[in-house]
């Protein structure tokens, strides 16, 4: 189901799909309800590998159930750990890393991604990327604490060496000022 350009998450998926093919390796830095993990598992196919992170057991259970319901659990490793630990738990290189920041839909808003762990995670993510690999990140400046997190991500992304990374920010100009944003990072810029 293509949601077109109106969905920030779909834009991140489109960006990732160009570099993530059957047999590839991907990381879902924020498993949540499992929808991005499912997308990545479909992209890599049965011989690929997906690593998904979430600190909430509830999120990982939802993700596992969704994957099992689609027959795609075999190529996914779930970690109940913060995404800032990905470089310790995932051997690179990886083709793609996907983030959907904020909180688990339907759960407590007290548990959400935070600027300090997200930036540590992004540092790990870019170090794991193969040449030509990509990071797709959706941020939510309208959520409590989301604007600060998005600003930290933008500052981090702007500081990446342009000789090695291409970075794009996408925002919807005909939406509210605090609508979701998409940050895209590609290794191999210059």
Protein backbone atom coordinates (compact mmCIF):
# COMPACT_ATOMS: atom_id res chain seq x y z
CA UNK A 1 0.00 0.00 0.00
CA UNK A 2 1.70 3.19 -1.20
CA UNK A 3 0.88 6.23 0.91
CA UNK A 4 2.71 8.57 -1.45
CA UNK A 5 4.45 11.74 -0.44
CA UNK A 6 1.95 12.56 2.30
CA UNK A 7 3.49 10.12 4.77
CA UNK A 8 6.84 10.90 6.37
CA UNK A 9 7.36 7.20 7.14
CA UNK A 10 6.62 6.28 3.52
CA UNK A 11 9.21 8.81 2.34
CA UNK A 12 11.82 7.16 4.59
CA UNK A 13 10.81 3.74 3.20
CA UNK A 14 11.16 4.96 -0.40
CA UNK A 15 14.65 6.30 0.36
CA UNK A 16 15.70 3.03 2.03
CA UNK A 17 14.19 0.80 -0.69
CA UNK A 18 16.77 1.90 -3.26
CA UNK A 19 19.64 0.37 -1.28
CA UNK A 20 17.99 -2.46 0.64
CA UNK A 21 17.41 -5.53 -1.49
CA UNK A 22 17.00 -9.28 -0.96
CA UNK A 23 19.92 -10.60 1.01
CA UNK A 24 20.64 -7.21 2.56
CA UNK A 25 21.13 -6.22 6.17
CA UNK A 26 19.10 -3.56 7.98
CA UNK A 27 18.49 -2.15 11.44
CA UNK A 28 15.19 -0.92 12.81
CA UNK A 29 16.42 1.37 15.57
CA UNK A 30 12.92 1.81 17.02
CA UNK A 31 10.83 -1.35 16.64
CA UNK A 32 7.65 0.10 18.17
CA UNK A 33 4.59 -1.77 16.87
CA UNK A 34 6.73 -3.60 14.30
CA UNK A 35 5.56 -1.97 11.09
CA UNK A 36 9.00 -0.72 10.06
CA UNK A 37 10.58 -4.04 11.08
CA UNK A 38 8.04 -5.83 8.88
CA UNK A 39 8.83 -3.49 5.98
CA UNK A 40 12.57 -4.15 6.37
CA UNK A 41 12.05 -7.93 6.66
CA UNK A 42 10.09 -7.91 3.40
CA UNK A 43 12.86 -5.91 1.72
CA UNK A 44 15.70 -8.24 2.75
CA UNK A 45 13.77 -11.46 2.09
CA UNK A 46 14.48 -14.85 3.65
CA UNK A 47 18.25 -14.70 3.15
CA UNK A 48 18.66 -11.18 4.53
CA UNK A 49 18.94 -10.00 8.12
CA UNK A 50 17.12 -7.37 10.17
CA UNK A 51 18.06 -6.28 13.69
CA UNK A 52 15.35 -4.45 15.63
CA UNK A 53 15.78 -2.52 18.88
CA UNK A 54 13.34 -1.39 21.53
CA UNK A 55 13.62 -0.98 25.27
CA UNK A 56 9.99 -1.99 25.86
CA UNK A 57 9.07 -5.65 26.08
CA UNK A 58 5.55 -4.77 24.91
CA UNK A 59 6.96 -3.33 21.68
CA UNK A 60 9.06 -6.40 20.99
CA UNK A 61 6.10 -8.73 21.62
CA UNK A 62 3.97 -6.75 19.16
CA UNK A 63 6.79 -6.80 16.64
CA UNK A 64 7.37 -10.55 17.02
CA UNK A 65 3.63 -11.28 16.66
CA UNK A 66 3.40 -9.12 13.53
CA UNK A 67 6.44 -10.81 11.97
CA UNK A 68 5.19 -14.30 12.83
CA UNK A 69 1.79 -13.46 11.36
CA UNK A 70 3.51 -12.68 8.05
CA UNK A 71 5.97 -15.59 8.20
CA UNK A 72 8.95 -13.24 8.45
CA UNK A 73 10.27 -13.78 11.98
CA UNK A 74 13.13 -16.01 10.83
CA UNK A 75 15.27 -13.25 9.39
CA UNK A 76 14.81 -10.81 12.30
CA UNK A 77 16.77 -10.57 15.53
CA UNK A 78 15.01 -8.56 18.26
CA UNK A 79 17.01 -6.79 20.97
CA UNK A 80 15.45 -5.47 24.15
CA UNK A 81 18.05 -2.74 24.34
CA UNK A 82 18.46 0.93 23.57
CA UNK A 83 19.32 1.74 19.98
CA UNK A 84 22.47 3.50 21.18
CA UNK A 85 23.92 0.00 21.71
CA UNK A 86 23.56 -1.06 18.06
CA UNK A 87 27.26 -0.87 17.26
CA UNK A 88 27.92 -3.33 20.12
CA UNK A 89 25.19 -5.76 19.04
CA UNK A 90 25.26 -5.56 15.24
CA UNK A 91 28.24 -6.44 13.07
CA UNK A 92 28.46 -4.13 10.10
CA UNK A 93 28.36 -3.20 7.45
CA UNK A 94 24.63 -2.65 7.07
CA UNK A 95 22.69 -1.39 4.08
CA UNK A 96 20.11 0.65 5.94
CA UNK A 97 19.04 1.93 9.36
CA UNK A 98 15.51 3.15 9.97
CA UNK A 99 14.25 5.35 12.82
CA UNK A 100 10.72 6.35 13.77
CA UNK A 101 11.30 8.55 16.80
CA UNK A 102 8.93 9.41 19.63
CA UNK A 103 6.88 7.01 21.71
CA UNK A 104 5.16 3.67 21.22
CA UNK A 105 1.68 4.40 19.85
CA UNK A 106 -0.93 3.41 22.40
CA UNK A 107 1.58 3.21 25.26
CA UNK A 108 2.83 5.63 27.89
CA UNK A 109 4.29 8.85 26.54
CA UNK A 110 6.72 8.82 29.45
CA UNK A 111 8.84 6.29 27.54
CA UNK A 112 10.09 7.89 24.38
CA UNK A 113 13.27 8.39 22.41
CA UNK A 114 15.59 11.02 23.85
CA UNK A 115 18.12 13.33 22.17
CA UNK A 116 21.19 11.94 23.97
CA UNK A 117 20.51 8.28 23.14
CA UNK A 118 19.29 9.07 19.63
CA UNK A 119 22.49 10.97 18.82
CA UNK A 120 24.63 8.14 20.26
CA UNK A 121 22.60 5.74 18.13
CA UNK A 122 23.05 7.84 14.99
CA UNK A 123 26.80 7.91 15.57
CA UNK A 124 26.71 4.12 15.71
CA UNK A 125 24.42 3.90 12.68
CA UNK A 126 26.61 5.95 10.36
CA UNK A 127 29.68 3.99 11.48
CA UNK A 128 27.93 0.72 10.52
CA UNK A 129 26.80 1.83 7.04
CA UNK A 130 28.39 0.24 4.00
CA UNK A 131 29.40 2.57 1.18
CA UNK A 132 26.16 3.79 -0.35
CA UNK A 133 24.16 2.71 2.72
CA UNK A 134 21.40 4.92 4.07
CA UNK A 135 19.76 6.08 7.27
CA UNK A 136 16.10 7.13 7.15
CA UNK A 137 14.77 8.95 10.20
CA UNK A 138 11.30 10.32 10.96
CA UNK A 139 11.14 12.89 13.75
CA UNK A 140 8.12 14.43 15.42
CA UNK A 141 8.68 18.04 16.54
CA UNK A 142 5.05 18.28 17.65
CA UNK A 143 5.46 15.68 20.44
CA UNK A 144 6.52 16.82 23.92
CA UNK A 145 10.33 16.84 23.76
CA UNK A 146 10.20 16.10 20.03
CA UNK A 147 11.34 19.54 18.91
CA UNK A 148 14.47 19.29 21.04
CA UNK A 149 15.18 15.81 19.71
CA UNK A 150 14.66 16.90 16.09
CA UNK A 151 16.95 19.90 16.62
CA UNK A 152 19.65 17.63 18.06
CA UNK A 153 19.30 15.27 15.08
CA UNK A 154 19.51 18.18 12.63
CA UNK A 155 22.61 19.52 14.39
CA UNK A 156 24.24 16.07 14.27
CA UNK A 157 23.35 15.57 10.60
CA UNK A 158 24.57 19.04 9.63
CA UNK A 159 27.93 18.24 11.24
CA UNK A 160 28.55 15.12 9.15
CA UNK A 161 31.49 15.48 6.78
CA UNK A 162 30.10 16.24 3.33
CA UNK A 163 33.05 14.39 1.78
CA UNK A 164 31.56 11.19 3.22
CA UNK A 165 27.82 11.80 3.69
CA UNK A 166 24.91 13.32 1.84
CA UNK A 167 22.18 14.62 4.15
CA UNK A 168 18.67 15.74 3.23
CA UNK A 169 15.89 17.16 5.38
CA UNK A 170 12.32 16.88 4.12
CA UNK A 171 9.46 18.78 5.68
CA UNK A 172 5.90 19.21 4.48
CA UNK A 173 5.50 22.88 3.54
CA UNK A 174 1.70 22.75 3.40
CA UNK A 175 1.31 21.23 6.89
CA UNK A 176 1.60 22.55 10.42
CA UNK A 177 5.00 23.91 11.34
CA UNK A 178 5.47 21.04 13.79
CA UNK A 179 4.55 18.27 11.30
CA UNK A 180 6.86 15.24 11.11
CA UNK A 181 10.21 15.70 9.37
CA UNK A 182 12.35 13.21 7.50
CA UNK A 183 16.14 13.19 7.73
CA UNK A 184 17.98 11.09 5.14
CA UNK A 185 21.67 10.28 5.40
CA UNK A 186 23.63 8.50 2.67
CA UNK A 187 27.17 7.24 3.16
CA UNK A 188 29.43 8.01 0.22
CA UNK A 189 28.70 11.66 -0.39
CA UNK A 190 31.04 14.20 -1.80
